[in-house]
Structure formats: C-alpha cells, structure tokens
Protein backbone atom coordinates (compact mmCIF):
# COMPACT_ATOMS: atom_id res chain seq x y z
CA MET A 1 -34.16 -80.41 24.03
CA VAL A 2 -32.68 -77.11 23.57
CA ALA A 3 -29.51 -77.13 25.69
CA GLU A 4 -28.97 -74.02 27.98
CA SER A 5 -26.75 -71.39 27.14
CA VAL A 6 -23.73 -70.75 29.60
CA PRO A 7 -22.89 -66.83 30.23
CA GLY A 8 -19.88 -66.14 29.34
CA PRO A 9 -17.58 -64.47 32.02
CA THR A 10 -18.03 -60.98 32.73
CA PRO A 11 -16.51 -58.22 30.57
CA VAL A 12 -14.03 -55.79 32.44
CA ARG A 13 -15.48 -52.61 32.85
CA VAL A 14 -12.51 -49.60 31.70
CA VAL A 15 -13.07 -45.80 31.30
CA LEU A 16 -10.92 -44.70 28.34
CA ALA A 17 -9.86 -41.02 28.68
CA ASP A 18 -8.28 -39.37 25.61
CA ASP A 19 -8.63 -35.85 23.44
CA GLU A 20 -8.25 -37.39 19.89
CA PRO A 21 -12.21 -39.32 19.02
CA LEU A 22 -10.70 -40.32 16.63
CA LEU A 23 -8.16 -42.99 18.34
CA ARG A 24 -10.75 -43.50 21.42
CA ALA A 25 -12.74 -44.85 19.07
CA GLY A 26 -10.01 -47.24 17.47
CA LEU A 27 -9.04 -48.11 21.11
CA ARG A 28 -12.55 -48.64 21.96
CA THR A 29 -12.94 -51.16 18.71
CA VAL A 30 -9.97 -52.96 19.42
CA LEU A 31 -10.78 -53.34 23.41
CA GLU A 32 -14.11 -54.61 22.35
CA ALA A 33 -13.23 -56.96 20.09
CA ALA A 34 -12.77 -60.03 21.78
CA GLY A 35 -15.87 -59.38 24.33
CA THR A 36 -13.91 -59.74 26.98
CA VAL A 37 -13.62 -55.66 27.69
CA GLN A 38 -16.14 -53.04 27.50
CA VAL A 39 -15.92 -49.38 27.33
CA VAL A 40 -18.60 -48.79 29.40
CA GLY A 41 -17.10 -44.27 29.55
CA GLN A 42 -15.27 -42.05 27.20
CA ALA A 43 -14.00 -38.28 28.19
CA GLY A 44 -11.95 -36.05 26.10
CA ASP A 45 -9.69 -34.43 28.94
CA GLY A 46 -9.17 -35.10 32.87
CA ALA A 47 -11.95 -33.38 34.57
CA GLY A 48 -14.22 -35.69 32.05
CA MET A 49 -12.61 -39.01 32.89
CA LEU A 50 -13.48 -37.90 36.55
CA ALA A 51 -16.49 -38.36 36.19
CA ALA A 52 -16.70 -41.26 34.18
CA VAL A 53 -15.08 -43.25 36.95
CA GLU A 54 -17.63 -41.71 39.66
CA GLU A 55 -20.68 -42.79 36.77
CA HIS A 56 -19.60 -45.89 36.11
CA ARG A 57 -17.40 -47.22 38.64
CA PRO A 58 -15.23 -48.96 36.23
CA ASP A 59 -12.76 -51.94 36.79
CA VAL A 60 -9.90 -50.00 34.83
CA VAL A 61 -9.17 -46.58 33.49
CA LEU A 62 -6.80 -46.08 30.86
CA VAL A 63 -5.69 -42.93 30.47
CA ASP A 64 -3.83 -40.13 28.26
CA VAL A 65 -1.62 -37.45 29.82
CA GLN A 66 -1.18 -34.32 27.50
CA MET A 67 -4.86 -33.12 27.18
CA PRO A 68 -6.79 -29.69 27.34
CA GLY A 69 -8.17 -28.21 30.87
CA LEU A 70 -7.31 -30.53 33.07
CA ASP A 71 -4.47 -32.52 31.99
CA GLY A 72 -4.50 -36.64 32.52
CA LEU A 73 -1.70 -36.48 35.53
CA SER A 74 -3.47 -33.88 37.09
CA ALA A 75 -6.77 -35.64 36.75
CA LEU A 76 -4.56 -39.28 37.53
CA ARG A 77 -3.48 -37.85 41.31
CA VAL A 78 -6.87 -37.20 42.55
CA LEU A 79 -8.22 -40.84 41.43
CA CYS A 80 -5.54 -42.06 43.09
CA GLY A 81 -6.25 -40.14 45.71
CA ARG A 82 -9.73 -41.79 46.33
CA PRO A 83 -10.24 -44.38 48.29
CA GLY A 84 -11.00 -47.52 46.25
CA ALA A 85 -9.83 -46.02 42.89
CA PRO A 86 -9.57 -48.15 40.31
CA PRO A 87 -6.76 -49.10 38.42
CA ALA A 88 -5.52 -46.91 36.09
CA ALA A 89 -2.88 -47.43 32.98
CA VAL A 90 -1.21 -44.04 31.29
CA LEU A 91 -1.48 -43.65 27.66
CA THR A 92 1.37 -42.47 26.10
CA THR A 93 3.16 -42.33 22.97
CA PHE A 94 6.71 -43.92 22.50
CA ASP A 95 8.53 -40.55 23.15
CA LEU A 96 8.05 -40.26 26.86
CA ASP A 97 7.87 -36.73 28.49
CA ASP A 98 9.42 -36.39 31.52
CA TYR A 99 6.35 -35.44 33.49
CA VAL A 100 5.03 -39.19 32.47
CA LEU A 101 7.02 -40.78 35.27
CA ASP A 102 5.40 -38.59 37.75
CA ALA A 103 2.41 -40.91 37.33
CA LEU A 104 3.86 -43.53 38.32
CA ARG A 105 4.67 -41.92 42.35
CA ILE A 106 0.82 -41.02 42.22
CA GLY A 107 0.09 -44.52 41.88
CA VAL A 108 -0.98 -45.78 38.28
CA GLN A 109 -0.29 -49.85 37.32
CA GLY A 110 1.27 -49.25 34.54
CA PHE A 111 2.38 -47.24 31.28
CA LEU A 112 1.08 -48.88 27.83
CA LEU A 113 1.78 -47.56 24.04
CA LYS A 114 -0.85 -46.36 22.66
CA ASP A 115 0.38 -48.24 19.10
CA ALA A 116 0.41 -51.33 20.93
CA GLU A 117 -0.64 -54.81 19.37
CA PRO A 118 -4.25 -55.18 19.90
CA ASP A 119 -3.98 -58.99 21.87
CA ALA A 120 -1.55 -57.55 24.18
CA LEU A 121 -3.43 -54.18 25.43
CA VAL A 122 -6.31 -56.29 25.71
CA ARG A 123 -4.16 -58.59 28.14
CA ALA A 124 -3.21 -55.75 29.54
CA VAL A 125 -5.86 -54.22 30.54
CA LEU A 126 -7.25 -57.69 31.72
CA ASP A 127 -4.19 -58.34 34.13
CA LEU A 128 -4.84 -54.93 35.01
CA ALA A 129 -8.03 -55.64 36.72
CA ALA A 130 -6.83 -58.98 38.30
CA GLY A 131 -4.69 -56.13 39.64
CA GLY A 132 -1.28 -56.83 38.50
CA ALA A 133 1.57 -53.97 36.56
CA VAL A 134 1.71 -53.48 33.18
CA LEU A 135 4.23 -52.23 30.87
CA ASP A 136 5.28 -52.27 27.78
CA PRO A 137 8.59 -53.98 27.32
CA ARG A 138 9.33 -51.08 24.49
CA ILE A 139 8.56 -48.49 27.51
CA THR A 140 10.79 -50.24 30.08
CA ALA A 141 13.74 -48.99 28.50
CA ARG A 142 13.04 -45.18 28.78
CA LEU A 143 11.29 -45.60 31.95
CA LEU A 144 13.98 -47.15 34.37
CA PRO A 145 17.30 -44.71 33.92
CA ARG A 146 14.79 -41.62 34.38
CA LEU A 147 13.81 -43.28 37.17
CA VAL A 148 16.44 -44.85 38.73
CA ALA A 149 17.90 -40.86 38.11
CA ARG A 150 15.15 -39.04 39.58
CA SER A 151 14.82 -41.95 42.64
CA PRO A 152 17.89 -44.44 42.72
CA PRO A 153 17.74 -47.38 44.13
CA PRO A 154 19.41 -48.54 46.97
CA MET A 155 21.35 -50.85 46.05
CA PRO A 156 22.92 -50.25 43.06
CA ALA A 157 23.09 -53.72 41.40
CA ARG A 158 20.55 -56.67 41.33
CA PRO A 159 20.23 -57.16 45.17
CA ASN A 160 21.62 -59.69 46.40
CA ASP A 161 20.04 -60.43 50.42
CA LEU A 162 16.82 -61.67 48.85
CA THR A 163 15.53 -65.33 50.50
CA LEU A 164 14.96 -67.36 47.34
CA ARG A 165 11.08 -66.75 48.27
CA GLU A 166 11.28 -63.31 47.84
CA GLN A 167 13.30 -63.77 44.50
CA GLN A 168 10.69 -65.49 43.19
CA VAL A 169 7.65 -63.25 43.61
CA LEU A 170 9.82 -60.51 42.41
CA ARG A 171 10.33 -62.32 38.94
CA ARG A 172 6.32 -63.04 39.14
CA LEU A 173 6.47 -58.67 40.35
CA ALA A 174 9.20 -58.15 37.02
CA ALA A 175 6.61 -60.47 34.76
CA GLY A 176 3.49 -58.00 35.61
CA ASP A 177 1.76 -60.87 38.12
CA SER A 178 -1.28 -59.70 40.72
CA ASN A 179 -0.79 -60.84 44.21
CA ALA A 180 -3.06 -63.69 42.99
CA ALA A 181 -1.35 -64.67 39.99
CA ILE A 182 1.38 -64.48 42.17
CA GLY A 183 0.13 -67.16 44.91
CA CYS A 184 -1.06 -69.77 42.70
CA ARG A 185 2.64 -70.08 40.17
CA LEU A 186 4.30 -70.74 43.98
CA GLY A 187 1.83 -72.19 45.69
CA LEU A 188 1.35 -69.50 48.61
CA ALA A 189 -2.30 -67.89 50.42
CA GLU A 190 -2.48 -64.14 48.29
CA ALA A 191 -2.17 -62.65 52.06
CA THR A 192 0.98 -64.53 52.08
CA VAL A 193 2.39 -62.56 48.56
CA LYS A 194 1.13 -59.19 50.57
CA LYS A 195 3.71 -59.49 52.81
CA TYR A 196 5.89 -60.35 50.08
CA VAL A 197 5.70 -58.21 48.30
CA SER A 198 5.58 -54.99 50.96
CA ALA A 199 8.66 -56.31 51.97
CA LEU A 200 10.57 -56.12 48.47
CA LEU A 201 9.06 -52.50 48.11
CA ILE A 202 10.91 -52.11 51.48
CA LYS A 203 13.97 -53.38 50.37
CA LEU A 204 14.72 -51.76 46.74
CA GLY A 205 13.21 -48.59 47.90
CA ALA A 206 10.31 -48.60 45.05
CA GLU A 207 7.44 -47.05 46.15
CA ASN A 208 5.21 -49.66 44.27
CA ARG A 209 5.06 -52.49 42.12
CA VAL A 210 5.22 -50.75 39.31
CA GLN A 211 8.61 -49.42 40.19
CA ALA A 212 9.54 -52.58 41.78
CA ALA A 213 8.72 -53.92 38.36
CA LEU A 214 10.81 -51.46 36.33
CA LEU A 215 13.93 -52.30 39.00
CA ALA A 216 13.77 -56.27 38.62
CA GLN A 217 13.12 -55.79 34.85
CA GLY A 218 16.46 -52.88 34.88
CA TRP A 219 17.95 -55.81 36.74
CA GLY A 220 17.45 -58.83 34.68
CA VAL A 221 15.62 -60.26 37.01
CA GLY A 222 12.91 -62.69 35.40
C-alpha cells in the first residue's frame, strides 16, 4: 500500500519590485530556495508593482525605493492607502536615503537590506506574512536617530510608566513578533494583544508597530 503524501504548508506569495533585473533574479532564487516562499510577480518600477499586486494578490510586497518612473516610495503611499493592502517592506542598501524614513510614516512593516543573509531574508518574509514587523539589525542604528530627530518621542528615555504586561508586549514588538506570536508567548488572545499594542503606540507616541519596535530597541528593551 502506497502512503499518501502529505502536502506541505502553502508558500507565502511575494511580489518583488526592483529596477535591477539581475538583483531581482538573485532575490527570487534566494527566496524560493527553501520552498516556503513563492515570487508570484515582479516589477521594475512602482507602477508595475501596483499592477502586480492587483493581479496576484500577494501575501507580502518587497519594494526598492529608488526606481524610475513611479518610485517605490510613491507606489508604497498608494499601496498602503488601499483597504486590505498586504504587508510591505522596503528593500534598501546600507546607506539609507533621508526619504526612506518617510516609508515608515506611510505604513510599511519593515526595512530589509539587500545583502541580508538568505535565511534572514526568508524568515523576514515569513514574519511579515504573519503580521510581524521586520528590521534588519544593521538598519536600526542608522534609522533610529533619524526617527528621533524628525519625530521625537514624548519620553526621552526608556518609559517607566508601563505596566508589566505592556513591557512584555513591548519586548515582543521589539523582536518583531506578530500579534498572534505575542499571544502565543504570553498566553493572551490576539484581540487582547491588539488592545495592548494600541495602548503602547499612544504611550510611546509611535505611529505604527515598526516605530514602536525601533524606539524599544533604542531604549534597550528586549
């Protein structure tokens, strides 16, 4: 009797936008190597990315900022303004441009370096699909001072008025965990986690969970 094969988990579907074809090809190879990610659409500019998202309905979008025509930042502004938009992360080089920080305000869920280790890149995509925030550790040190300079938090030092549970949730935000993952770790319902996250964003003066994670990392929370 031949045993039936058990299907594996459905791969996370990704749209990848970068104006360098060779880089796109390399990233696709890296992402699809483990079988947990599938690149379903590619684009060389922002307009192409928006069209690919509309056509393929991906789980995650990875976008270079500097692209011809409609640049990545402008395209992300359109994408993140759409109801039910998939999570998006900026793909960038180590030398961050000033305007890359604007992507954080638009609503992107992560910042990734193009030379990230393959395993780290795949893990970041999986985390994004699960609702997490992803920040390459090498980016944090450069991005945090710009965030603080342009949008100072209401507390100049590590917050000391958070409840124990809020501190626990903040640690998991700093680690990039999704609400579901935080709930599993802390034994909380996902809806309860959402309430804690919302309260934290208000207390920290952060616009989204990525900003909260950056501030937490800058305060040494983790």
